[in-house]
Amino acid sequence: MAEDTESDDRSEEPSEQKLQQAREDGQLPRSKELATFAVTMAGLVLIIVTWDALVQSFTEMLRLTFTFDRKSLESEALLHELFIKTLIDMLVALIPIMAGLVLAATAPTILVGGWNFTLKPLEPKFSKLNPMPGIVRMFSLSALMEAGKAILKSGLIGGVAMWVIWNERTDLLHLIDLPVDKSMTALGELTKHTFIIVVSAMIVLVVVDVPFQLWNFKKKLRMTKEEVKQEHKNSEGSPEVKGRIRQLQREAARRRMMEDIPKANVVVTNPTHYAVALQYEEGMSAPKVLAKGKLRVAARIMDAAKEHKITIMRAPPFARALYQHAEIGQEIPTALYTAAAQVLAYVFQLKHYKEHGGITPIFPDKLPVPPELDPDTQSQQDRPTSDRE
C-alpha cells in the first residue's frame, strides 16, 4: 500500500537519463511468460524437425543397452563402459535441442528489454538485509499481478495438459503393447499434439503479460515533479554554478587579452570610455582586434599600452564603432577598413618620424566612420527632433 501511495506523486514519465540509470543498475522490462512461450514453441518446432532422428537414435541406444552377452554380464567394467557410451550418445542426440532451447530462452529477453551486461546488481547492499521492503512488495500491485498470472498459468496449462492426457488415455495404455519403433512414433505424435494445444493456450498469457511488463517497468520509474526539476538542474547546472563558470571564463579571456596587448600597433580610445587594441602585420588581409574594453578595462588596456610604449590614439567614433562591431581575435568589419588604414598609416609615419625625423605626420582628425556603426551617432539620430534641439 505504501508503494501505491508513493506512486500517486510520481506523475511524470521517466526521463532518458532515468531510463539509462536503470539500465546501468540492471533494471530492464522482462516477461517470464514470453520466455516460457518461446521455449515451449522452440521445443515444439525442434520435436517436429528432429523427432525422426531422435526416434532412430534412441531406438538404437535402447537396442544396444538391453542387448547383453554372457561376457558383458560377467564384466562390471564392460557394463560401465556400455553405460557411459549410451549416456554420451544420448547427450549428443540432445545437443541440438538443448542449444535451440537456450537460444529460445535468451531471444525474448533481448527482444523486450534489449541486451544489457552489468555487474552492478551483484554489488553487496546492506539495505537488502532489511525485510520491510520485501514485505511491502508482497502486497503491491506487481505481486498481486504475478500471483494472478501464476494461478492462471497453472490452471490453464495444467488443465489443458490434463484434458489432452485424459482424452488420449486409451492410446497411452496401448503403447506398452506396441513394438519400440511404433510406440516411439505414437508417443511423438501425442507429444506434438499436446505441445500444440499448450502453446496455443500460452498465447493468451503472453498477450496479457508483455504489455503489462512494459507498462509496469515505466510506472516503477516514474518521477515526481521535484525529481524532474532536480535532474534538469543537475544536468544543466545550477544558476550559481553557471554564473561562476562564466565569470571564470571571462577572467581567463581577459587575461589572455591583456597578454596580447604588447603585439598591438595602436590603441584607439574614446578617450576614457572605450579602448581597442589593433594589430596589423604584413601578410594580414585586414587589421585584427587584440583587446577591447570600456571603463576600468579600457583604463587597464591603456596602462598596458603605455607600459609597452604602444601608440595611444584618440579617435572616439572609430573606437566606439570597433568596440560595438568588432570581436576579439577577429578582423575588423569591412566598412572600417578605410578608417583603420588612415590610423595605421599615421602610426607607422609617427614611428618613422620618431626614429629618423623628417616631416611631422598629420593627425587624421576626421576618420571616415559610417554613422550606422557609431552607437552614439545612431542614438542621436533615433532621438526625437525636439530632444536634439
Protein backbone atom coordinates (compact mmCIF):
# COMPACT_ATOMS: atom_id res chain seq x y z
CA MET A 1 0.00 0.00 0.00
CA ALA A 2 2.91 2.30 0.67
CA GLU A 3 4.09 1.77 -2.89
CA ASP A 4 0.71 2.79 -4.26
CA THR A 5 0.64 5.93 -2.11
CA GLU A 6 4.09 6.92 -3.27
CA SER A 7 3.25 6.30 -6.92
CA ASP A 8 0.42 8.84 -6.70
CA ASP A 9 3.05 11.60 -6.57
CA ARG A 10 5.04 10.12 -9.44
CA SER A 11 3.06 11.57 -12.33
CA GLU A 12 5.94 12.31 -14.71
CA GLU A 13 7.22 9.86 -17.30
CA PRO A 14 10.82 8.69 -16.70
CA SER A 15 13.43 10.72 -18.49
CA GLU A 16 16.10 9.26 -20.77
CA GLN A 17 18.63 9.80 -18.00
CA LYS A 18 16.46 7.85 -15.52
CA LEU A 19 15.98 5.02 -18.03
CA GLN A 20 19.71 4.89 -18.72
CA GLN A 21 20.48 4.80 -14.98
CA ALA A 22 18.01 1.95 -14.52
CA ARG A 23 19.70 0.10 -17.37
CA GLU A 24 23.09 0.53 -15.72
CA ASP A 25 21.59 -0.82 -12.49
CA GLY A 26 20.40 -3.92 -14.34
CA GLN A 27 16.71 -2.96 -14.33
CA LEU A 28 15.01 -3.89 -17.61
CA PRO A 29 11.49 -4.98 -18.54
CA ARG A 30 11.29 -8.77 -18.64
CA SER A 31 8.40 -11.11 -19.47
CA LYS A 32 8.66 -14.58 -17.97
CA GLU A 33 5.59 -15.67 -19.90
CA LEU A 34 7.15 -14.69 -23.21
CA ALA A 35 10.32 -16.62 -22.33
CA THR A 36 8.27 -19.68 -21.33
CA PHE A 37 6.22 -19.42 -24.51
CA ALA A 38 9.37 -19.11 -26.65
CA VAL A 39 10.98 -22.15 -25.02
CA THR A 40 7.81 -24.20 -25.41
CA MET A 41 7.37 -23.10 -29.03
CA ALA A 42 11.01 -23.87 -29.78
CA GLY A 43 10.61 -27.27 -28.17
CA LEU A 44 7.60 -27.98 -30.40
CA VAL A 45 9.46 -26.96 -33.56
CA LEU A 46 12.55 -28.93 -32.60
CA ILE A 47 10.47 -32.04 -31.83
CA ILE A 48 8.77 -31.79 -35.21
CA VAL A 49 12.06 -31.29 -37.06
CA THR A 50 14.25 -33.77 -35.18
CA TRP A 51 11.78 -36.40 -33.98
CA ASP A 52 12.54 -38.99 -36.64
CA ALA A 53 16.25 -38.71 -35.99
CA LEU A 54 15.68 -38.84 -32.22
CA VAL A 55 13.49 -41.92 -32.52
CA GLN A 56 16.12 -43.66 -34.60
CA SER A 57 18.91 -42.69 -32.17
CA PHE A 58 17.00 -43.69 -29.04
CA THR A 59 15.78 -46.95 -30.60
CA GLU A 60 19.36 -47.88 -31.43
CA MET A 61 20.50 -46.89 -27.94
CA LEU A 62 17.77 -49.00 -26.33
CA ARG A 63 18.66 -51.94 -28.54
CA LEU A 64 22.35 -51.70 -27.62
CA THR A 65 21.64 -51.06 -23.92
CA PHE A 66 19.38 -54.04 -23.42
CA THR A 67 21.29 -56.45 -25.65
CA PHE A 68 23.74 -58.40 -23.46
CA ASP A 69 26.04 -61.31 -23.97
CA ARG A 70 27.46 -63.56 -21.30
CA LYS A 71 30.83 -61.83 -21.37
CA SER A 72 29.25 -58.40 -20.72
CA LEU A 73 27.19 -59.67 -17.83
CA GLU A 74 30.23 -61.14 -16.15
CA SER A 75 32.35 -57.96 -16.52
CA GLU A 76 31.43 -54.91 -14.46
CA ALA A 77 33.91 -52.80 -16.46
CA LEU A 78 32.18 -53.62 -19.77
CA LEU A 79 28.77 -52.76 -18.34
CA HIS A 80 30.15 -49.46 -17.05
CA GLU A 81 31.70 -48.70 -20.45
CA LEU A 82 28.39 -49.53 -22.17
CA PHE A 83 26.51 -47.21 -19.80
CA ILE A 84 28.95 -44.32 -20.42
CA LYS A 85 28.77 -44.78 -24.20
CA THR A 86 24.95 -44.81 -24.09
CA LEU A 87 24.90 -41.64 -21.96
CA ILE A 88 27.28 -39.83 -24.35
CA ASP A 89 25.23 -40.88 -27.38
CA MET A 90 22.09 -39.58 -25.66
CA LEU A 91 23.72 -36.22 -24.90
CA VAL A 92 24.98 -35.88 -28.48
CA ALA A 93 21.49 -36.57 -29.79
CA LEU A 94 20.00 -33.95 -27.45
CA ILE A 95 22.61 -31.20 -28.07
CA PRO A 96 20.69 -29.57 -31.00
CA ILE A 97 17.50 -29.45 -28.92
CA MET A 98 19.26 -28.06 -25.83
CA ALA A 99 21.07 -25.41 -27.91
CA GLY A 100 17.80 -24.39 -29.54
CA LEU A 101 16.08 -24.12 -26.15
CA VAL A 102 18.89 -21.94 -24.75
CA LEU A 103 18.63 -19.62 -27.75
CA ALA A 104 14.84 -19.53 -27.42
CA ALA A 105 15.13 -18.61 -23.73
CA THR A 106 17.59 -15.77 -24.47
CA ALA A 107 15.96 -14.19 -27.53
CA PRO A 108 12.70 -12.98 -25.87
CA THR A 109 14.68 -11.34 -23.08
CA ILE A 110 16.69 -9.32 -25.59
CA LEU A 111 13.55 -8.62 -27.63
CA VAL A 112 11.64 -6.98 -24.76
CA GLY A 113 14.38 -5.23 -22.77
CA GLY A 114 17.39 -5.34 -25.05
CA TRP A 115 20.87 -6.69 -24.38
CA ASN A 116 22.45 -5.44 -21.19
CA PHE A 117 25.57 -6.57 -19.33
CA THR A 118 26.28 -5.09 -15.91
CA LEU A 119 27.77 -6.36 -12.66
CA LYS A 120 26.11 -3.67 -10.56
CA PRO A 121 23.25 -5.90 -9.32
CA LEU A 122 25.89 -8.20 -7.81
CA GLU A 123 27.31 -5.44 -5.61
CA PRO A 124 26.62 -6.07 -1.90
CA LYS A 125 23.98 -3.77 -0.41
CA PHE A 126 23.17 -3.81 3.30
CA SER A 127 19.75 -2.34 2.50
CA LYS A 128 18.81 -5.73 1.03
CA LEU A 129 19.01 -7.20 4.53
CA ASN A 130 16.03 -5.10 5.60
CA PRO A 131 12.90 -7.31 5.34
CA MET A 132 10.42 -4.41 5.27
CA PRO A 133 10.77 -3.54 1.52
CA GLY A 134 10.18 -7.21 0.70
CA ILE A 135 7.09 -7.33 2.90
CA VAL A 136 5.75 -4.17 1.24
CA ARG A 137 6.34 -5.67 -2.22
CA MET A 138 4.32 -8.74 -1.20
CA PHE A 139 1.19 -6.59 -1.09
CA SER A 140 1.96 -4.40 -4.12
CA LEU A 141 0.11 -4.38 -7.43
CA SER A 142 3.02 -6.17 -9.11
CA ALA A 143 2.94 -9.01 -6.56
CA LEU A 144 -0.81 -9.43 -6.94
CA MET A 145 -0.42 -9.45 -10.73
CA GLU A 146 2.32 -12.08 -10.55
CA ALA A 147 0.21 -14.22 -8.21
CA GLY A 148 -2.77 -13.94 -10.55
CA LYS A 149 -0.63 -14.90 -13.53
CA ALA A 150 0.79 -17.91 -11.69
CA ILE A 151 -2.71 -19.15 -10.81
CA LEU A 152 -3.96 -18.52 -14.34
CA LYS A 153 -0.93 -20.20 -15.90
CA SER A 154 -1.14 -23.26 -13.64
CA GLY A 155 -4.85 -23.63 -14.21
CA LEU A 156 -4.69 -23.03 -17.95
CA ILE A 157 -1.66 -25.12 -18.85
CA GLY A 158 -2.35 -27.79 -16.24
CA GLY A 159 -5.97 -28.02 -17.30
CA VAL A 160 -5.09 -28.26 -20.98
CA ALA A 161 -2.44 -30.92 -20.32
CA MET A 162 -4.79 -32.96 -18.16
CA TRP A 163 -7.54 -32.66 -20.76
CA VAL A 164 -5.23 -33.94 -23.52
CA ILE A 165 -3.91 -36.82 -21.42
CA TRP A 166 -7.41 -37.82 -20.36
CA ASN A 167 -8.63 -37.89 -23.96
CA GLU A 168 -5.58 -39.89 -25.05
CA ARG A 169 -5.53 -42.27 -22.06
CA THR A 170 -6.61 -45.26 -24.12
CA ASP A 171 -3.82 -44.78 -26.68
CA LEU A 172 -1.27 -44.25 -23.89
CA LEU A 173 -2.15 -47.57 -22.28
CA HIS A 174 -1.83 -49.37 -25.62
CA LEU A 175 1.75 -48.08 -26.15
CA ILE A 176 3.16 -50.87 -23.96
CA ASP A 177 1.73 -53.48 -26.36
CA LEU A 178 3.45 -51.97 -29.44
CA PRO A 179 6.98 -52.59 -30.72
CA VAL A 180 9.58 -49.99 -29.67
CA ASP A 181 9.71 -48.17 -33.03
CA LYS A 182 5.93 -47.92 -33.33
CA SER A 183 5.45 -46.91 -29.69
CA MET A 184 8.07 -44.16 -30.10
CA THR A 185 6.32 -42.87 -33.23
CA ALA A 186 2.95 -42.85 -31.47
CA LEU A 187 4.46 -41.12 -28.43
CA GLY A 188 5.96 -38.48 -30.70
CA GLU A 189 2.61 -37.73 -32.30
CA LEU A 190 0.98 -37.47 -28.91
CA THR A 191 3.74 -35.15 -27.65
CA LYS A 192 3.44 -32.88 -30.68
CA HIS A 193 -0.32 -32.76 -30.32
CA THR A 194 -0.02 -31.84 -26.63
CA PHE A 195 2.61 -29.17 -27.29
CA ILE A 196 0.47 -27.52 -29.99
CA ILE A 197 -2.50 -27.21 -27.64
CA VAL A 198 -0.37 -25.95 -24.73
CA VAL A 199 1.40 -23.35 -26.92
CA SER A 200 -1.96 -22.12 -28.21
CA ALA A 201 -3.16 -21.67 -24.63
CA MET A 202 0.02 -19.82 -23.64
CA ILE A 203 -0.51 -17.17 -26.31
CA VAL A 204 -3.24 -15.70 -24.10
CA LEU A 205 -0.76 -15.26 -21.24
CA VAL A 206 1.87 -13.68 -23.49
CA VAL A 207 -0.58 -11.17 -24.99
CA VAL A 208 -1.52 -10.04 -21.47
CA ASP A 209 1.93 -10.17 -19.83
CA VAL A 210 4.20 -8.37 -22.32
CA PRO A 211 2.25 -5.06 -22.40
CA PHE A 212 1.80 -5.24 -18.62
CA GLN A 213 5.56 -5.69 -18.02
CA LEU A 214 6.44 -2.74 -20.27
CA TRP A 215 3.81 -0.55 -18.57
CA ASN A 216 4.79 -1.66 -15.05
CA PHE A 217 8.50 -1.08 -15.73
CA LYS A 218 7.92 2.54 -16.73
CA LYS A 219 5.43 3.00 -13.89
CA LYS A 220 8.09 2.00 -11.35
CA LEU A 221 10.50 4.55 -12.85
CA ARG A 222 8.03 7.43 -12.91
CA MET A 223 9.33 10.64 -11.36
CA THR A 224 7.89 13.36 -9.20
CA LYS A 225 7.88 16.94 -10.48
CA GLU A 226 10.57 17.77 -7.96
CA GLU A 227 12.80 14.94 -9.26
CA VAL A 228 12.37 16.23 -12.81
CA LYS A 229 13.38 19.74 -11.73
CA GLN A 230 16.35 18.41 -9.76
CA GLU A 231 17.53 16.27 -12.67
CA HIS A 232 17.23 19.21 -15.04
CA LYS A 233 19.18 21.37 -12.61
CA ASN A 234 21.90 18.72 -12.24
CA SER A 235 22.23 18.23 -15.99
CA GLU A 236 22.14 21.91 -16.86
CA GLY A 237 23.91 23.13 -13.74
CA SER A 238 22.58 25.48 -11.07
CA PRO A 239 22.44 29.22 -11.94
CA GLU A 240 25.06 29.95 -9.28
CA VAL A 241 27.50 27.40 -10.70
CA LYS A 242 26.89 28.50 -14.29
CA GLY A 243 27.36 32.14 -13.26
CA ARG A 244 30.65 31.29 -11.56
CA ILE A 245 31.82 29.34 -14.61
CA ARG A 246 31.01 32.28 -16.90
CA GLN A 247 32.87 34.62 -14.56
CA LEU A 248 35.96 32.41 -14.60
CA GLN A 249 35.75 32.15 -18.39
CA ARG A 250 35.57 35.94 -18.70
CA GLU A 251 38.53 36.36 -16.37
CA ALA A 252 40.58 33.82 -18.34
CA ALA A 253 39.69 35.51 -21.63
CA ARG A 254 40.58 38.90 -20.15
CA ARG A 255 43.98 37.60 -19.01
CA ARG A 256 44.69 36.24 -22.48
CA MET A 257 43.54 39.54 -23.96
CA MET A 258 45.87 41.57 -21.73
CA GLU A 259 48.76 39.26 -22.60
CA ASP A 260 48.23 40.02 -26.32
CA ILE A 261 48.38 43.83 -25.95
CA PRO A 262 52.20 44.01 -26.44
CA LYS A 263 51.63 42.70 -30.01
CA ALA A 264 49.37 45.66 -30.89
CA ASN A 265 50.39 48.54 -33.20
CA VAL A 266 47.93 51.07 -31.78
CA VAL A 267 45.26 51.51 -29.13
CA VAL A 268 42.34 53.74 -30.18
CA THR A 269 40.32 55.35 -27.38
CA ASN A 270 37.18 57.35 -26.69
CA PRO A 271 39.38 58.59 -24.76
CA THR A 272 38.23 57.21 -21.37
CA HIS A 273 35.12 55.16 -22.04
CA TYR A 274 36.44 52.75 -24.69
CA ALA A 275 39.81 51.34 -25.72
CA VAL A 276 40.52 48.93 -28.59
CA ALA A 277 43.95 47.46 -29.41
CA LEU A 278 44.64 46.77 -33.12
CA GLN A 279 47.34 44.69 -34.76
CA TYR A 280 48.38 44.68 -38.41
CA GLU A 281 51.36 42.85 -39.86
CA GLU A 282 52.50 42.10 -43.37
CA GLY A 283 50.52 39.19 -44.79
CA MET A 284 47.31 40.00 -42.91
CA SER A 285 44.24 40.65 -45.04
CA ALA A 286 42.90 43.21 -42.53
CA PRO A 287 43.72 44.58 -39.06
CA LYS A 288 42.77 42.35 -36.13
CA VAL A 289 41.35 43.27 -32.72
CA LEU A 290 43.62 42.03 -29.91
CA ALA A 291 41.77 43.58 -26.98
CA LYS A 292 38.81 45.80 -26.22
CA GLY A 293 37.07 47.11 -23.14
CA LYS A 294 35.30 50.01 -21.52
CA LEU A 295 35.69 51.98 -18.32
CA ARG A 296 38.05 50.10 -15.94
CA VAL A 297 39.02 47.51 -18.56
CA ALA A 298 39.72 50.35 -21.02
CA ALA A 299 41.93 52.02 -18.41
CA ARG A 300 43.88 48.77 -17.91
CA ILE A 301 44.34 48.43 -21.69
CA MET A 302 45.72 51.96 -21.89
CA ASP A 303 48.04 51.38 -18.90
CA ALA A 304 49.40 48.23 -20.60
CA ALA A 305 49.86 50.20 -23.86
CA LYS A 306 51.84 52.90 -22.04
CA GLU A 307 53.95 50.26 -20.31
CA HIS A 308 54.90 48.70 -23.65
CA LYS A 309 55.23 52.07 -25.45
CA ILE A 310 52.34 51.41 -27.84
CA THR A 311 50.79 54.44 -29.54
CA ILE A 312 47.51 55.53 -27.94
CA MET A 313 45.35 57.44 -30.38
CA ARG A 314 42.21 59.42 -29.53
CA ALA A 315 39.53 58.56 -32.11
CA PRO A 316 36.11 58.46 -30.37
CA PRO A 317 33.79 57.44 -33.28
CA PHE A 318 36.28 54.87 -34.53
CA ALA A 319 36.83 53.44 -31.01
CA ARG A 320 33.09 53.22 -30.37
CA ALA A 321 32.45 51.50 -33.73
CA LEU A 322 35.25 49.00 -33.14
CA TYR A 323 34.03 48.18 -29.63
CA GLN A 324 30.47 47.69 -30.84
CA HIS A 325 31.05 45.73 -34.07
CA ALA A 326 34.47 44.01 -33.84
CA GLU A 327 35.22 40.86 -31.84
CA ILE A 328 38.45 39.98 -30.05
CA GLY A 329 40.70 37.84 -32.21
CA GLN A 330 38.69 38.69 -35.37
CA GLU A 331 39.32 41.06 -38.25
CA ILE A 332 37.59 44.43 -38.17
CA PRO A 333 34.42 44.98 -40.27
CA THR A 334 34.95 45.85 -43.94
CA ALA A 335 33.22 49.22 -43.50
CA LEU A 336 36.02 50.32 -41.13
CA TYR A 337 38.92 49.40 -43.41
CA THR A 338 39.47 52.99 -44.65
CA ALA A 339 39.46 54.48 -41.15
CA ALA A 340 41.84 51.75 -39.94
CA ALA A 341 44.16 52.36 -42.90
CA GLN A 342 44.41 56.07 -42.01
CA VAL A 343 45.05 55.29 -38.35
CA LEU A 344 47.76 52.70 -39.10
CA ALA A 345 49.36 54.97 -41.72
CA TYR A 346 49.60 57.72 -39.12
CA VAL A 347 51.07 55.31 -36.53
CA PHE A 348 53.72 54.00 -38.93
CA GLN A 349 54.59 57.54 -40.05
CA LEU A 350 54.81 58.66 -36.42
CA LYS A 351 57.15 55.80 -35.63
CA HIS A 352 59.36 56.66 -38.59
CA TYR A 353 59.38 60.31 -37.58
CA LYS A 354 60.46 59.45 -34.02
CA GLU A 355 63.24 57.18 -35.23
CA HIS A 356 64.52 59.11 -38.27
CA GLY A 357 63.00 62.60 -38.12
CA GLY A 358 61.60 64.35 -41.19
CA ILE A 359 58.14 65.77 -41.83
CA THR A 360 55.76 65.65 -38.88
CA PRO A 361 52.84 63.33 -39.73
CA ILE A 362 49.38 64.90 -39.86
CA PHE A 363 46.97 63.54 -37.28
CA PRO A 364 43.85 62.13 -39.02
CA ASP A 365 41.29 64.33 -37.29
CA LYS A 366 38.15 63.13 -39.07
CA LEU A 367 38.10 59.42 -39.76
CA PRO A 368 35.53 58.05 -42.25
CA VAL A 369 33.38 56.04 -39.83
CA PRO A 370 29.91 55.15 -41.19
CA PRO A 371 27.27 56.76 -38.92
CA GLU A 372 25.33 53.47 -38.65
CA LEU A 373 28.38 51.85 -36.99
CA ASP A 374 28.83 54.57 -34.35
CA PRO A 375 26.38 53.85 -31.49
CA ASP A 376 26.45 57.48 -30.28
CA THR A 377 25.62 58.90 -33.72
CA GLN A 378 22.91 56.28 -34.20
CA SER A 379 21.31 57.05 -30.82
CA GLN A 380 21.27 60.78 -31.60
CA GLN A 381 19.54 60.12 -34.91
CA ASP A 382 16.97 57.92 -33.18
CA ARG A 383 16.05 60.63 -30.64
CA PRO A 384 13.04 62.90 -31.39
CA THR A 385 13.80 66.22 -33.09
CA SER A 386 12.62 68.21 -30.04
CA ASP A 387 15.17 66.40 -27.84
CA ARG A 388 18.03 67.10 -30.24
CA GLU A 389 17.09 70.81 -30.35
